[in-house]
């Protein structure tokens, strides 16, 4: 069993997205990784895909997501279940907070296949 204190979370910021790895190999995770994030109103993730399923729980805020060209609207309390290999993008229409989880070590890549090196995964 491992306890990773909140005080040790390191937040990484890019383009209005602020993300901390809360369950990563660096803090003891062995099968699942989890991130806690905040998006500023008007911010978006880049279009990307994962080699495995990603689950995103919206804690606060609202916005929309595109998944393989289909648009979904979300609000606080909703859960996005993003299928493996589906290109998706999340747009925050208001200041938002979320938690996301996926199998540890999944590949995260741009639509053209370029692998994204995400600093909060360490």
N, C-alpha and C. Protein backbone atom coordinates (compact mmCIF):
# COMPACT_ATOMS: atom_id res chain seq x y z
N UNK A 1 0.86 -1.16 0.00
CA UNK A 1 0.00 0.00 0.00
C UNK A 1 0.91 1.23 0.00
N UNK A 2 0.49 2.24 -0.75
CA UNK A 2 1.25 3.48 -0.85
C UNK A 2 0.31 4.66 -0.64
N UNK A 3 0.77 5.63 0.12
CA UNK A 3 0.05 6.90 0.26
C UNK A 3 0.90 7.96 -0.42
N UNK A 4 0.31 8.67 -1.36
CA UNK A 4 1.01 9.76 -2.03
C UNK A 4 0.34 11.06 -1.60
N UNK A 5 0.95 11.80 -0.68
CA UNK A 5 0.33 13.01 -0.14
C UNK A 5 0.10 14.09 -1.20
N UNK A 6 -1.03 14.74 -1.10
CA UNK A 6 -1.39 15.82 -2.04
C UNK A 6 -0.30 16.89 -2.11
N UNK A 7 0.36 17.14 -1.00
CA UNK A 7 1.40 18.17 -0.95
C UNK A 7 2.56 17.86 -1.89
N UNK A 8 2.72 16.60 -2.29
CA UNK A 8 3.80 16.23 -3.21
C UNK A 8 3.39 16.31 -4.68
N UNK A 9 2.12 16.59 -4.95
CA UNK A 9 1.69 16.70 -6.36
C UNK A 9 2.43 17.84 -7.03
N UNK A 10 2.90 17.58 -8.22
CA UNK A 10 3.54 18.62 -9.02
C UNK A 10 2.63 18.90 -10.21
N UNK A 11 2.16 20.13 -10.33
CA UNK A 11 1.27 20.50 -11.42
C UNK A 11 2.08 21.00 -12.61
N UNK A 12 1.74 20.49 -13.79
CA UNK A 12 2.37 20.91 -15.04
C UNK A 12 1.32 21.66 -15.85
N UNK A 13 1.70 22.79 -16.43
CA UNK A 13 0.75 23.63 -17.14
C UNK A 13 1.15 23.81 -18.60
N UNK A 14 0.14 23.77 -19.46
CA UNK A 14 0.34 24.07 -20.88
C UNK A 14 -0.99 24.47 -21.50
N UNK A 15 -1.01 25.58 -22.17
CA UNK A 15 -2.16 26.06 -22.93
C UNK A 15 -3.47 26.04 -22.13
N UNK A 16 -3.43 26.53 -20.89
CA UNK A 16 -4.63 26.60 -20.08
C UNK A 16 -5.04 25.31 -19.40
N UNK A 17 -4.21 24.27 -19.55
CA UNK A 17 -4.44 22.98 -18.89
C UNK A 17 -3.42 22.83 -17.78
N UNK A 18 -3.86 22.44 -16.59
CA UNK A 18 -2.99 22.31 -15.43
C UNK A 18 -3.22 20.91 -14.86
N UNK A 19 -2.20 20.03 -14.96
CA UNK A 19 -2.41 18.62 -14.66
C UNK A 19 -1.32 18.11 -13.72
N UNK A 20 -1.75 17.32 -12.74
CA UNK A 20 -0.84 16.66 -11.81
C UNK A 20 -1.08 15.16 -11.88
N UNK A 21 0.00 14.39 -11.94
CA UNK A 21 -0.12 12.94 -11.86
C UNK A 21 -0.31 12.55 -10.41
N UNK A 22 -1.44 11.94 -10.08
CA UNK A 22 -1.71 11.56 -8.69
C UNK A 22 -1.53 10.06 -8.45
N UNK A 23 -1.47 9.28 -9.51
CA UNK A 23 -1.13 7.86 -9.43
C UNK A 23 -0.30 7.55 -10.66
N UNK A 24 1.01 7.49 -10.49
CA UNK A 24 1.96 7.25 -11.57
C UNK A 24 3.01 6.27 -11.07
N UNK A 25 3.82 5.71 -11.95
CA UNK A 25 4.87 4.81 -11.47
C UNK A 25 5.79 5.49 -10.45
N UNK A 26 6.03 6.79 -10.63
CA UNK A 26 6.91 7.51 -9.73
C UNK A 26 6.38 7.63 -8.31
N UNK A 27 5.07 7.46 -8.13
CA UNK A 27 4.53 7.53 -6.77
C UNK A 27 3.85 6.23 -6.34
N UNK A 28 4.18 5.12 -7.01
CA UNK A 28 3.77 3.82 -6.53
C UNK A 28 2.73 3.06 -7.34
N UNK A 29 2.14 3.67 -8.37
CA UNK A 29 1.11 2.97 -9.16
C UNK A 29 1.76 1.84 -9.96
N UNK A 30 1.06 0.73 -10.08
CA UNK A 30 1.58 -0.43 -10.82
C UNK A 30 0.69 -0.85 -11.99
N UNK A 31 -0.62 -0.50 -11.98
CA UNK A 31 -1.51 -0.95 -13.04
C UNK A 31 -2.34 0.15 -13.66
N UNK A 32 -2.68 1.17 -12.88
CA UNK A 32 -3.55 2.24 -13.35
C UNK A 32 -2.87 3.57 -13.06
N UNK A 33 -2.97 4.50 -14.01
CA UNK A 33 -2.48 5.85 -13.71
C UNK A 33 -3.67 6.79 -13.67
N UNK A 34 -3.53 7.82 -12.81
CA UNK A 34 -4.61 8.77 -12.62
C UNK A 34 -4.02 10.17 -12.56
N UNK A 35 -4.75 11.12 -13.14
CA UNK A 35 -4.34 12.52 -13.16
C UNK A 35 -5.47 13.36 -12.62
N UNK A 36 -5.11 14.44 -11.95
CA UNK A 36 -6.09 15.45 -11.54
C UNK A 36 -5.75 16.70 -12.32
N UNK A 37 -6.78 17.31 -12.91
CA UNK A 37 -6.51 18.46 -13.74
C UNK A 37 -7.50 19.59 -13.58
N UNK A 38 -7.08 20.71 -14.08
CA UNK A 38 -7.91 21.92 -14.10
C UNK A 38 -7.72 22.53 -15.49
N UNK A 39 -8.82 22.96 -16.09
CA UNK A 39 -8.78 23.64 -17.38
C UNK A 39 -9.39 25.01 -17.21
N UNK A 40 -8.73 26.01 -17.74
CA UNK A 40 -9.27 27.36 -17.72
C UNK A 40 -10.39 27.46 -18.75
N UNK A 41 -11.37 28.32 -18.51
CA UNK A 41 -12.44 28.54 -19.49
C UNK A 41 -11.81 28.91 -20.82
N UNK A 42 -12.25 28.26 -21.88
CA UNK A 42 -11.72 28.51 -23.22
C UNK A 42 -10.54 27.64 -23.61
N UNK A 43 -9.98 26.88 -22.66
CA UNK A 43 -8.84 26.01 -22.96
C UNK A 43 -9.34 24.70 -23.60
N UNK A 44 -8.43 24.04 -24.29
CA UNK A 44 -8.74 22.75 -24.91
C UNK A 44 -7.50 21.86 -24.85
N UNK A 45 -7.73 20.58 -24.82
CA UNK A 45 -6.62 19.64 -24.99
C UNK A 45 -6.30 19.59 -26.48
N UNK A 46 -5.11 19.18 -26.85
CA UNK A 46 -4.87 18.95 -28.27
C UNK A 46 -5.63 17.69 -28.70
N UNK A 47 -5.97 17.56 -29.97
CA UNK A 47 -6.56 16.30 -30.42
C UNK A 47 -5.54 15.19 -30.18
N UNK A 48 -5.98 14.09 -29.60
CA UNK A 48 -5.06 12.99 -29.31
C UNK A 48 -5.84 11.69 -29.13
N UNK A 49 -5.11 10.59 -28.96
CA UNK A 49 -5.72 9.28 -28.73
C UNK A 49 -4.84 8.49 -27.78
N UNK A 50 -5.44 7.50 -27.13
CA UNK A 50 -4.75 6.63 -26.19
C UNK A 50 -4.80 5.20 -26.72
N UNK A 51 -3.81 4.40 -26.36
CA UNK A 51 -3.83 3.00 -26.79
C UNK A 51 -4.82 2.17 -25.99
N UNK A 52 -5.28 2.69 -24.87
CA UNK A 52 -6.29 2.03 -24.05
C UNK A 52 -7.41 3.00 -23.72
N UNK A 53 -8.41 2.51 -23.06
CA UNK A 53 -9.55 3.33 -22.67
C UNK A 53 -9.14 4.38 -21.63
N UNK A 54 -9.71 5.57 -21.73
CA UNK A 54 -9.52 6.62 -20.73
C UNK A 54 -10.88 6.98 -20.15
N UNK A 55 -10.92 7.18 -18.84
CA UNK A 55 -12.14 7.57 -18.15
C UNK A 55 -11.87 8.93 -17.51
N UNK A 56 -12.76 9.90 -17.76
CA UNK A 56 -12.60 11.25 -17.24
C UNK A 56 -13.86 11.61 -16.45
N UNK A 57 -13.69 11.89 -15.16
CA UNK A 57 -14.78 12.32 -14.30
C UNK A 57 -14.69 13.84 -14.17
N UNK A 58 -15.74 14.54 -14.58
CA UNK A 58 -15.79 15.99 -14.50
C UNK A 58 -16.24 16.37 -13.10
N UNK A 59 -15.38 17.03 -12.35
CA UNK A 59 -15.69 17.43 -10.97
C UNK A 59 -16.38 18.78 -10.91
N UNK A 60 -15.98 19.69 -11.80
CA UNK A 60 -16.52 21.05 -11.80
C UNK A 60 -16.42 21.60 -13.21
N UNK A 61 -17.43 22.38 -13.62
CA UNK A 61 -17.40 23.05 -14.91
C UNK A 61 -18.23 22.34 -15.96
N UNK A 62 -18.14 22.88 -17.18
CA UNK A 62 -18.88 22.31 -18.30
C UNK A 62 -18.13 22.59 -19.59
N UNK A 63 -18.52 21.86 -20.61
CA UNK A 63 -17.88 22.03 -21.91
C UNK A 63 -18.35 20.99 -22.89
N UNK A 64 -17.46 20.68 -23.81
CA UNK A 64 -17.79 19.68 -24.83
C UNK A 64 -16.56 18.87 -25.16
N UNK A 65 -16.80 17.73 -25.71
CA UNK A 65 -15.72 16.86 -26.17
C UNK A 65 -16.08 16.36 -27.56
N UNK A 66 -15.07 16.21 -28.39
CA UNK A 66 -15.28 15.55 -29.67
C UNK A 66 -14.57 14.21 -29.60
N UNK A 67 -15.24 13.18 -30.07
CA UNK A 67 -14.70 11.83 -30.09
C UNK A 67 -14.96 11.26 -31.47
N UNK A 68 -13.88 11.09 -32.23
CA UNK A 68 -14.00 10.59 -33.61
C UNK A 68 -15.02 11.41 -34.40
N UNK A 69 -15.02 12.72 -34.21
CA UNK A 69 -15.90 13.61 -34.97
C UNK A 69 -17.29 13.79 -34.39
N UNK A 70 -17.64 13.07 -33.34
CA UNK A 70 -18.94 13.23 -32.69
C UNK A 70 -18.78 14.15 -31.49
N UNK A 71 -19.72 15.09 -31.32
CA UNK A 71 -19.63 16.03 -30.22
C UNK A 71 -20.53 15.60 -29.06
N UNK A 72 -19.97 15.69 -27.85
CA UNK A 72 -20.70 15.40 -26.63
C UNK A 72 -20.60 16.61 -25.72
N UNK A 73 -21.65 16.92 -25.01
CA UNK A 73 -21.62 18.01 -24.03
C UNK A 73 -21.51 17.39 -22.64
N UNK A 74 -20.75 18.02 -21.77
CA UNK A 74 -20.59 17.51 -20.41
C UNK A 74 -20.76 18.61 -19.38
N UNK A 75 -21.08 18.20 -18.15
CA UNK A 75 -21.22 19.11 -17.01
C UNK A 75 -20.68 18.40 -15.78
N UNK A 76 -20.52 19.14 -14.70
CA UNK A 76 -20.02 18.58 -13.45
C UNK A 76 -20.81 17.34 -13.06
N UNK A 77 -20.08 16.29 -12.67
CA UNK A 77 -20.70 15.03 -12.29
C UNK A 77 -20.76 14.02 -13.41
N UNK A 78 -20.58 14.46 -14.66
CA UNK A 78 -20.60 13.55 -15.81
C UNK A 78 -19.27 12.82 -15.93
N UNK A 79 -19.31 11.65 -16.55
CA UNK A 79 -18.11 10.85 -16.82
C UNK A 79 -18.00 10.61 -18.31
N UNK A 80 -16.85 10.95 -18.86
CA UNK A 80 -16.54 10.64 -20.26
C UNK A 80 -15.78 9.33 -20.29
N UNK A 81 -16.25 8.38 -21.09
CA UNK A 81 -15.53 7.12 -21.28
C UNK A 81 -15.07 7.13 -22.73
N UNK A 82 -13.76 7.30 -22.89
CA UNK A 82 -13.18 7.49 -24.22
C UNK A 82 -12.55 6.18 -24.67
N UNK A 83 -13.03 5.63 -25.78
CA UNK A 83 -12.54 4.32 -26.23
C UNK A 83 -11.08 4.35 -26.68
N UNK A 84 -10.43 3.22 -26.57
CA UNK A 84 -9.06 3.08 -27.06
C UNK A 84 -8.99 3.48 -28.52
N UNK A 85 -7.92 4.17 -28.88
CA UNK A 85 -7.59 4.56 -30.25
C UNK A 85 -8.50 5.62 -30.86
N UNK A 86 -9.49 6.12 -30.13
CA UNK A 86 -10.40 7.14 -30.65
C UNK A 86 -9.77 8.52 -30.49
N UNK A 87 -9.64 9.25 -31.58
CA UNK A 87 -9.12 10.62 -31.50
C UNK A 87 -10.18 11.47 -30.81
N UNK A 88 -9.74 12.19 -29.77
CA UNK A 88 -10.68 13.01 -29.00
C UNK A 88 -10.02 14.31 -28.58
N UNK A 89 -10.87 15.25 -28.20
CA UNK A 89 -10.42 16.56 -27.74
C UNK A 89 -11.46 17.07 -26.76
N UNK A 90 -11.00 17.72 -25.69
CA UNK A 90 -11.90 18.24 -24.66
C UNK A 90 -11.77 19.75 -24.62
N UNK A 91 -12.91 20.43 -24.61
CA UNK A 91 -12.97 21.90 -24.61
C UNK A 91 -13.70 22.35 -23.35
N UNK A 92 -13.05 23.19 -22.54
CA UNK A 92 -13.68 23.72 -21.33
C UNK A 92 -14.38 25.03 -21.67
N UNK A 93 -15.67 25.09 -21.43
CA UNK A 93 -16.42 26.33 -21.67
C UNK A 93 -16.45 27.19 -20.41
N UNK A 94 -16.19 26.57 -19.25
CA UNK A 94 -16.06 27.30 -17.99
C UNK A 94 -14.85 26.71 -17.27
N UNK A 95 -14.36 27.40 -16.25
CA UNK A 95 -13.28 26.82 -15.46
C UNK A 95 -13.73 25.44 -15.00
N UNK A 96 -12.87 24.46 -15.21
CA UNK A 96 -13.26 23.07 -14.99
C UNK A 96 -12.19 22.31 -14.21
N UNK A 97 -12.63 21.28 -13.50
CA UNK A 97 -11.73 20.36 -12.83
C UNK A 97 -12.15 18.94 -13.18
N UNK A 98 -11.19 18.04 -13.25
CA UNK A 98 -11.48 16.65 -13.61
C UNK A 98 -10.45 15.72 -13.00
N UNK A 99 -10.79 14.44 -13.01
CA UNK A 99 -9.86 13.36 -12.69
C UNK A 99 -9.96 12.38 -13.85
N UNK A 100 -8.81 11.92 -14.35
CA UNK A 100 -8.85 10.92 -15.42
C UNK A 100 -7.98 9.73 -15.04
N UNK A 101 -8.35 8.58 -15.58
CA UNK A 101 -7.62 7.34 -15.30
C UNK A 101 -7.55 6.49 -16.55
N UNK A 102 -6.47 5.70 -16.63
CA UNK A 102 -6.28 4.78 -17.75
C UNK A 102 -5.29 3.70 -17.33
N UNK A 103 -5.17 2.62 -18.10
CA UNK A 103 -4.17 1.62 -17.78
C UNK A 103 -2.77 2.24 -17.78
N UNK A 104 -1.97 1.86 -16.83
CA UNK A 104 -0.62 2.38 -16.70
C UNK A 104 0.20 2.11 -17.96
N UNK A 105 0.86 3.14 -18.45
CA UNK A 105 1.76 2.99 -19.58
C UNK A 105 1.13 3.06 -20.95
N UNK A 106 -0.18 3.36 -21.02
CA UNK A 106 -0.79 3.51 -22.34
C UNK A 106 -0.03 4.55 -23.15
N UNK A 107 -0.01 4.35 -24.45
CA UNK A 107 0.60 5.33 -25.34
C UNK A 107 -0.41 6.43 -25.62
N UNK A 108 0.02 7.68 -25.51
CA UNK A 108 -0.81 8.83 -25.84
C UNK A 108 -0.15 9.48 -27.06
N UNK A 109 -0.92 9.64 -28.14
CA UNK A 109 -0.34 10.13 -29.39
C UNK A 109 -1.25 11.12 -30.09
N UNK A 110 -0.63 11.95 -30.90
CA UNK A 110 -1.37 12.87 -31.76
C UNK A 110 -2.04 12.04 -32.87
N UNK A 111 -3.00 12.61 -33.58
CA UNK A 111 -3.66 11.85 -34.66
C UNK A 111 -2.70 11.29 -35.70
N UNK A 112 -1.54 11.97 -35.93
CA UNK A 112 -0.59 11.48 -36.92
C UNK A 112 0.32 10.39 -36.39
N UNK A 113 0.14 10.00 -35.11
CA UNK A 113 0.93 8.94 -34.51
C UNK A 113 2.11 9.41 -33.68
N UNK A 114 2.40 10.71 -33.69
CA UNK A 114 3.49 11.24 -32.88
C UNK A 114 3.16 11.05 -31.40
N UNK A 115 4.02 10.34 -30.68
CA UNK A 115 3.80 10.05 -29.27
C UNK A 115 4.02 11.33 -28.46
N UNK A 116 3.10 11.58 -27.54
CA UNK A 116 3.19 12.75 -26.68
C UNK A 116 3.93 12.38 -25.40
N UNK A 117 4.94 13.15 -25.05
CA UNK A 117 5.68 12.94 -23.81
C UNK A 117 5.04 13.84 -22.75
N UNK A 118 4.21 13.28 -21.91
CA UNK A 118 3.45 14.04 -20.93
C UNK A 118 4.22 14.12 -19.60
N UNK A 119 4.63 15.31 -19.19
CA UNK A 119 5.50 15.42 -18.00
C UNK A 119 4.84 14.97 -16.71
N UNK A 120 3.51 15.00 -16.63
CA UNK A 120 2.83 14.59 -15.39
C UNK A 120 2.75 13.09 -15.23
N UNK A 121 3.27 12.33 -16.18
CA UNK A 121 3.26 10.87 -16.07
C UNK A 121 4.43 10.33 -15.26
N UNK A 122 5.39 11.16 -14.94
CA UNK A 122 6.61 10.70 -14.25
C UNK A 122 6.32 10.21 -12.84
